[in-house]
């Protein structure tokens, strides 16, 4: 899948100038996530429903270390 036309936005939780930089783009019904330091690297793809679930779990702290 080609993501060159995607409009990426940086997560509000990303650390400015740090090592934790995540970007998200919406492509029709897909949501894609990538590491901004490796824009040509792999992306996570999910549908809109899975994205909403993921965001809710992040906000709830389910993935906190």
Protein backbone atom coordinates (compact mmCIF):
# COMPACT_ATOMS: atom_id res chain seq x y z
CA UNK A 1 0.00 0.00 0.00
CA UNK A 2 1.29 3.46 -0.90
CA UNK A 3 1.16 6.11 1.82
CA UNK A 4 2.74 9.02 -0.08
CA UNK A 5 -0.56 10.90 -0.31
CA UNK A 6 -1.34 10.40 3.39
CA UNK A 7 -1.57 13.51 5.57
CA UNK A 8 0.38 12.47 8.64
CA UNK A 9 -0.06 14.22 11.97
CA UNK A 10 2.12 13.82 15.02
CA UNK A 11 0.59 12.42 18.16
CA UNK A 12 -0.01 14.97 20.91
CA UNK A 13 1.70 12.48 23.24
CA UNK A 14 4.94 12.43 21.21
CA UNK A 15 7.96 13.87 22.96
CA UNK A 16 9.31 16.96 21.15
CA UNK A 17 12.77 16.11 19.84
CA UNK A 18 12.78 12.86 21.79
CA UNK A 19 12.73 9.25 20.78
CA UNK A 20 8.99 8.68 21.07
CA UNK A 21 7.52 10.15 17.89
CA UNK A 22 4.34 8.61 16.52
CA UNK A 23 2.39 9.83 13.49
CA UNK A 24 -1.13 8.93 12.39
CA UNK A 25 -2.91 9.28 9.06
CA UNK A 26 -6.48 8.56 7.93
CA UNK A 27 -6.99 6.88 4.57
CA UNK A 28 -10.67 6.30 3.86
CA UNK A 29 -11.66 3.70 6.46
CA UNK A 30 -8.07 2.91 7.47
CA UNK A 31 -6.02 4.48 10.22
CA UNK A 32 -2.26 4.05 9.87
CA UNK A 33 0.43 4.67 12.47
CA UNK A 34 4.19 4.98 11.96
CA UNK A 35 7.38 5.97 13.72
CA UNK A 36 8.15 9.49 12.48
CA UNK A 37 11.88 8.82 12.68
CA UNK A 38 11.47 5.97 10.17
CA UNK A 39 8.88 7.31 7.72
CA UNK A 40 9.76 4.65 5.13
CA UNK A 41 9.50 1.87 7.70
CA UNK A 42 6.57 -0.34 8.63
CA UNK A 43 3.13 1.00 9.53
CA UNK A 44 0.34 -0.36 11.68
CA UNK A 45 -2.98 -0.46 9.82
CA UNK A 46 -6.43 -0.76 11.38
CA UNK A 47 -10.01 0.05 10.55
CA UNK A 48 -11.82 2.94 12.20
CA UNK A 49 -13.50 0.75 14.85
CA UNK A 50 -10.20 -0.83 15.88
CA UNK A 51 -8.62 2.65 15.99
CA UNK A 52 -11.32 3.93 18.36
CA UNK A 53 -10.79 0.93 20.63
CA UNK A 54 -7.01 1.40 20.55
CA UNK A 55 -7.26 5.12 21.41
CA UNK A 56 -9.69 4.42 24.26
CA UNK A 57 -7.31 1.83 25.71
CA UNK A 58 -4.34 4.19 25.42
CA UNK A 59 -6.30 6.92 27.22
CA UNK A 60 -7.30 4.44 29.91
CA UNK A 61 -3.62 3.53 30.44
CA UNK A 62 -3.85 -0.10 29.34
CA UNK A 63 -0.45 0.09 27.60
CA UNK A 64 1.45 2.12 30.22
CA UNK A 65 4.68 0.51 31.28
